[in-house]
Amino acid sequence: MTTNTVYVMEAANLFCGDHDPENSKHLTLDELSLPSLQAMYQDHHPGGSFVAMEFEVGIQKLTSSFKLKGWDPELLKQFGLGTPLKRVYTAYGVVRDKRSGDALRAKAIMEARLGQAAPDAFSRGNLMGFAYSLNEITHYELHFGSEEIFFWDAFTNSLRTGGVDQNAQINSLLSIPGVSA
């Protein structure tokens, strides 16, 4: 990847429930918002210090949202389901390198619950749709081109940024099973 360029998202697709071609939302996808990566901080004012400071203590919970035009009865049936198959949401994007003209794939994988399905108000002459929210995200991967940008899995306590395992030492010291140090 080139560092001195501008990357512009040109197109997106979303699969709701595994990678079954029938679950592609490319025809109805209107808007997609990936999870925000936001650190959590706690203020601390030491007793012997004149200046307060803050310490990072983790990452905020992850949520995602998207809007689809029209009705999607099969997707609406996923509301509240917790089965692994129906909890996988995969988003793809076409990102253009404006310097070279090359198209790259962005990919996000989320294991989550469909936590909201809010219908638009019906207005004759307008295309009614639904706004959806993904909550209870327990697994999130973000890839850009062939590079892993972010990886988090709640059940293995794995957290990688830029391919570097941020929790390797912690997981080793805690003897978390199934996780290599």
Protein backbone atom coordinates (compact mmCIF):
# COMPACT_ATOMS: atom_id res chain seq x y z
CA MET A 1 0.00 0.00 0.00
CA THR A 2 1.11 3.51 -0.79
CA THR A 3 1.34 5.94 2.11
CA ASN A 4 1.04 9.18 0.12
CA THR A 5 -2.32 8.67 -1.50
CA VAL A 6 -6.03 9.00 -0.87
CA TYR A 7 -8.22 5.91 -0.52
CA VAL A 8 -11.88 6.39 -1.45
CA MET A 9 -14.66 3.87 -0.83
CA GLU A 10 -16.63 3.44 -4.06
CA ALA A 11 -18.97 0.54 -3.41
CA ALA A 12 -20.07 -1.83 -0.66
CA ASN A 13 -21.88 -5.09 -0.12
CA LEU A 14 -23.11 -6.82 3.01
CA PHE A 15 -23.84 -10.48 3.69
CA CYS A 16 -26.21 -11.07 6.59
CA GLY A 17 -25.74 -14.62 7.84
CA ASP A 18 -22.66 -16.40 6.53
CA HIS A 19 -21.58 -16.10 2.89
CA ASP A 20 -24.64 -17.59 1.19
CA PRO A 21 -25.07 -15.72 -2.13
CA GLU A 22 -28.76 -15.43 -1.29
CA ASN A 23 -27.81 -13.23 1.67
CA SER A 24 -26.08 -10.57 -0.43
CA LYS A 25 -27.56 -7.11 0.14
CA HIS A 26 -25.85 -5.37 -2.81
CA LEU A 27 -29.19 -4.44 -4.38
CA THR A 28 -30.73 -2.88 -1.26
CA LEU A 29 -27.76 -1.59 0.76
CA ASP A 30 -28.17 2.15 1.28
CA GLU A 31 -25.77 2.87 4.14
CA LEU A 32 -23.18 0.96 6.17
CA SER A 33 -21.39 2.01 9.33
CA LEU A 34 -18.59 -0.20 10.63
CA PRO A 35 -17.76 -0.34 14.35
CA SER A 36 -15.94 2.66 15.75
CA LEU A 37 -12.62 1.83 17.37
CA GLN A 38 -12.60 4.04 20.44
CA ALA A 39 -10.44 3.68 23.52
CA MET A 40 -11.84 3.99 27.06
CA TYR A 41 -10.02 6.24 29.51
CA GLN A 42 -10.18 6.78 33.25
CA ASP A 43 -9.04 9.99 34.92
CA HIS A 44 -6.63 9.77 37.83
CA HIS A 45 -5.45 12.59 40.03
CA PRO A 46 -2.63 11.25 42.19
CA GLY A 47 -2.61 12.54 45.76
CA GLY A 48 0.87 14.00 45.41
CA SER A 49 0.41 15.46 41.93
CA PHE A 50 -0.80 18.88 40.90
CA VAL A 51 -1.83 17.64 37.43
CA ALA A 52 -4.40 14.96 36.70
CA MET A 53 -3.81 12.37 33.98
CA GLU A 54 -5.76 9.74 32.16
CA PHE A 55 -5.04 6.08 31.51
CA GLU A 56 -6.38 3.89 28.74
CA VAL A 57 -8.27 1.00 30.33
CA GLY A 58 -9.72 -0.77 27.31
CA ILE A 59 -11.82 -0.33 24.18
CA GLN A 60 -15.45 0.77 23.99
CA LYS A 61 -18.03 -1.84 23.02
CA LEU A 62 -18.38 -2.37 19.29
CA THR A 63 -21.60 -1.69 17.39
CA SER A 64 -22.42 -1.46 13.71
CA SER A 65 -25.38 -0.26 11.70
CA PHE A 66 -26.70 -0.38 8.18
CA LYS A 67 -29.73 0.72 6.19
CA LEU A 68 -31.49 -1.29 3.51
CA LYS A 69 -34.16 -0.11 1.11
CA GLY A 70 -37.35 -2.14 0.92
CA TRP A 71 -38.53 -5.00 3.13
CA ASP A 72 -36.27 -7.97 3.88
CA PRO A 73 -38.40 -10.65 5.60
CA GLU A 74 -35.54 -13.17 5.85
CA LEU A 75 -33.28 -10.66 7.55
CA LEU A 76 -36.08 -9.59 9.91
CA LYS A 77 -36.35 -13.24 11.01
CA GLN A 78 -32.77 -12.96 12.32
CA PHE A 79 -33.81 -10.42 14.95
CA GLY A 80 -32.80 -11.77 18.36
CA LEU A 81 -31.28 -15.00 17.03
CA GLY A 82 -28.08 -16.16 18.65
CA THR A 83 -27.12 -19.11 16.47
CA PRO A 84 -23.58 -18.92 15.02
CA LEU A 85 -24.74 -19.14 11.39
CA LYS A 86 -27.13 -16.20 11.69
CA ARG A 87 -24.68 -14.14 13.74
CA VAL A 88 -22.07 -13.66 10.99
CA TYR A 89 -22.20 -10.38 9.08
CA THR A 90 -19.58 -9.73 6.41
CA ALA A 91 -19.12 -6.38 4.70
CA TYR A 92 -17.05 -5.85 1.58
CA GLY A 93 -15.95 -2.56 0.12
CA VAL A 94 -14.22 -1.46 -3.04
CA VAL A 95 -11.63 1.15 -2.11
CA ARG A 96 -9.85 3.04 -4.85
CA ASP A 97 -6.26 4.26 -4.52
CA LYS A 98 -6.65 7.67 -6.15
CA ARG A 99 -2.94 7.93 -6.89
CA SER A 100 -2.47 4.61 -8.70
CA GLY A 101 -6.07 3.94 -9.72
CA ASP A 102 -5.90 0.45 -8.19
CA ALA A 103 -8.98 -1.02 -6.56
CA LEU A 104 -8.52 -2.75 -3.21
CA ARG A 105 -10.89 -4.86 -1.14
CA ALA A 106 -11.87 -3.80 2.35
CA LYS A 107 -13.49 -6.53 4.41
CA ALA A 108 -15.10 -6.56 7.84
CA ILE A 109 -16.38 -9.67 9.60
CA MET A 110 -18.62 -9.32 12.63
CA GLU A 111 -20.24 -11.95 14.82
CA ALA A 112 -23.15 -10.13 16.39
CA ARG A 113 -26.84 -10.08 17.18
CA LEU A 114 -29.28 -8.18 15.05
CA GLY A 115 -30.34 -5.84 17.85
CA GLN A 116 -32.59 -3.39 16.00
CA ALA A 117 -34.75 -3.32 12.91
CA ALA A 118 -36.34 0.14 12.73
CA PRO A 119 -38.66 0.75 9.78
CA ASP A 120 -38.69 4.11 8.03
CA ALA A 121 -41.96 6.00 8.09
CA PHE A 122 -43.98 5.21 5.00
CA SER A 123 -44.39 8.15 2.64
CA ARG A 124 -46.04 7.60 -0.73
CA GLY A 125 -43.56 8.15 -3.53
CA ASN A 126 -40.53 7.39 -1.32
CA LEU A 127 -38.73 4.09 -1.02
CA MET A 128 -39.33 2.79 2.51
CA GLY A 129 -36.54 0.87 4.16
CA PHE A 130 -35.22 -0.27 7.52
CA ALA A 131 -32.34 0.82 9.73
CA TYR A 132 -30.59 -2.11 11.43
CA SER A 133 -28.15 -2.27 14.33
CA LEU A 134 -25.68 -5.00 15.17
CA ASN A 135 -25.11 -5.36 18.89
CA GLU A 136 -23.37 -7.88 21.12
CA ILE A 137 -20.40 -8.03 18.77
CA THR A 138 -18.15 -10.81 20.06
CA HIS A 139 -15.80 -11.07 17.08
CA TYR A 140 -14.56 -8.37 14.69
CA GLU A 141 -12.02 -8.43 11.88
CA LEU A 142 -11.07 -5.53 9.63
CA HIS A 143 -8.93 -6.12 6.53
CA PHE A 144 -7.64 -3.65 3.95
CA GLY A 145 -6.25 -5.19 0.79
CA SER A 146 -4.34 -8.25 1.98
CA GLU A 147 -3.47 -6.70 5.35
CA GLU A 148 -5.18 -7.42 8.65
CA ILE A 149 -5.83 -4.07 10.33
CA PHE A 150 -7.73 -5.16 13.45
CA PHE A 151 -8.79 -8.50 14.95
CA TRP A 152 -10.65 -9.09 18.20
CA ASP A 153 -12.31 -12.21 19.56
CA ALA A 154 -14.01 -12.14 22.97
CA PHE A 155 -13.87 -15.88 23.56
CA THR A 156 -10.12 -16.26 23.02
CA ASN A 157 -9.23 -12.79 24.39
CA SER A 158 -7.33 -12.19 21.14
CA LEU A 159 -6.60 -8.62 20.12
CA ARG A 160 -4.37 -7.88 17.14
CA THR A 161 -3.67 -4.50 15.62
CA GLY A 162 -1.60 -4.42 12.47
CA GLY A 163 -1.00 -8.16 12.89
CA VAL A 164 0.62 -7.73 16.32
CA ASP A 165 -0.99 -9.69 19.17
CA GLN A 166 -1.57 -7.10 21.89
CA ASN A 167 -2.77 -9.71 24.42
CA ALA A 168 -0.17 -12.46 23.91
CA GLN A 169 1.62 -11.84 27.20
CA ILE A 170 -1.61 -11.38 29.15
CA ASN A 171 -3.13 -14.56 27.70
CA SER A 172 0.04 -16.49 28.46
CA LEU A 173 0.18 -15.26 32.07
CA LEU A 174 -3.51 -16.05 32.54
CA SER A 175 -3.13 -19.51 30.90
CA ILE A 176 -6.09 -18.86 28.63
CA PRO A 177 -6.65 -22.14 26.72
CA GLY A 178 -6.39 -22.27 22.94
CA VAL A 179 -4.38 -19.07 22.68
CA SER A 180 -0.72 -19.16 21.76
CA ALA A 181 1.73 -16.70 23.31
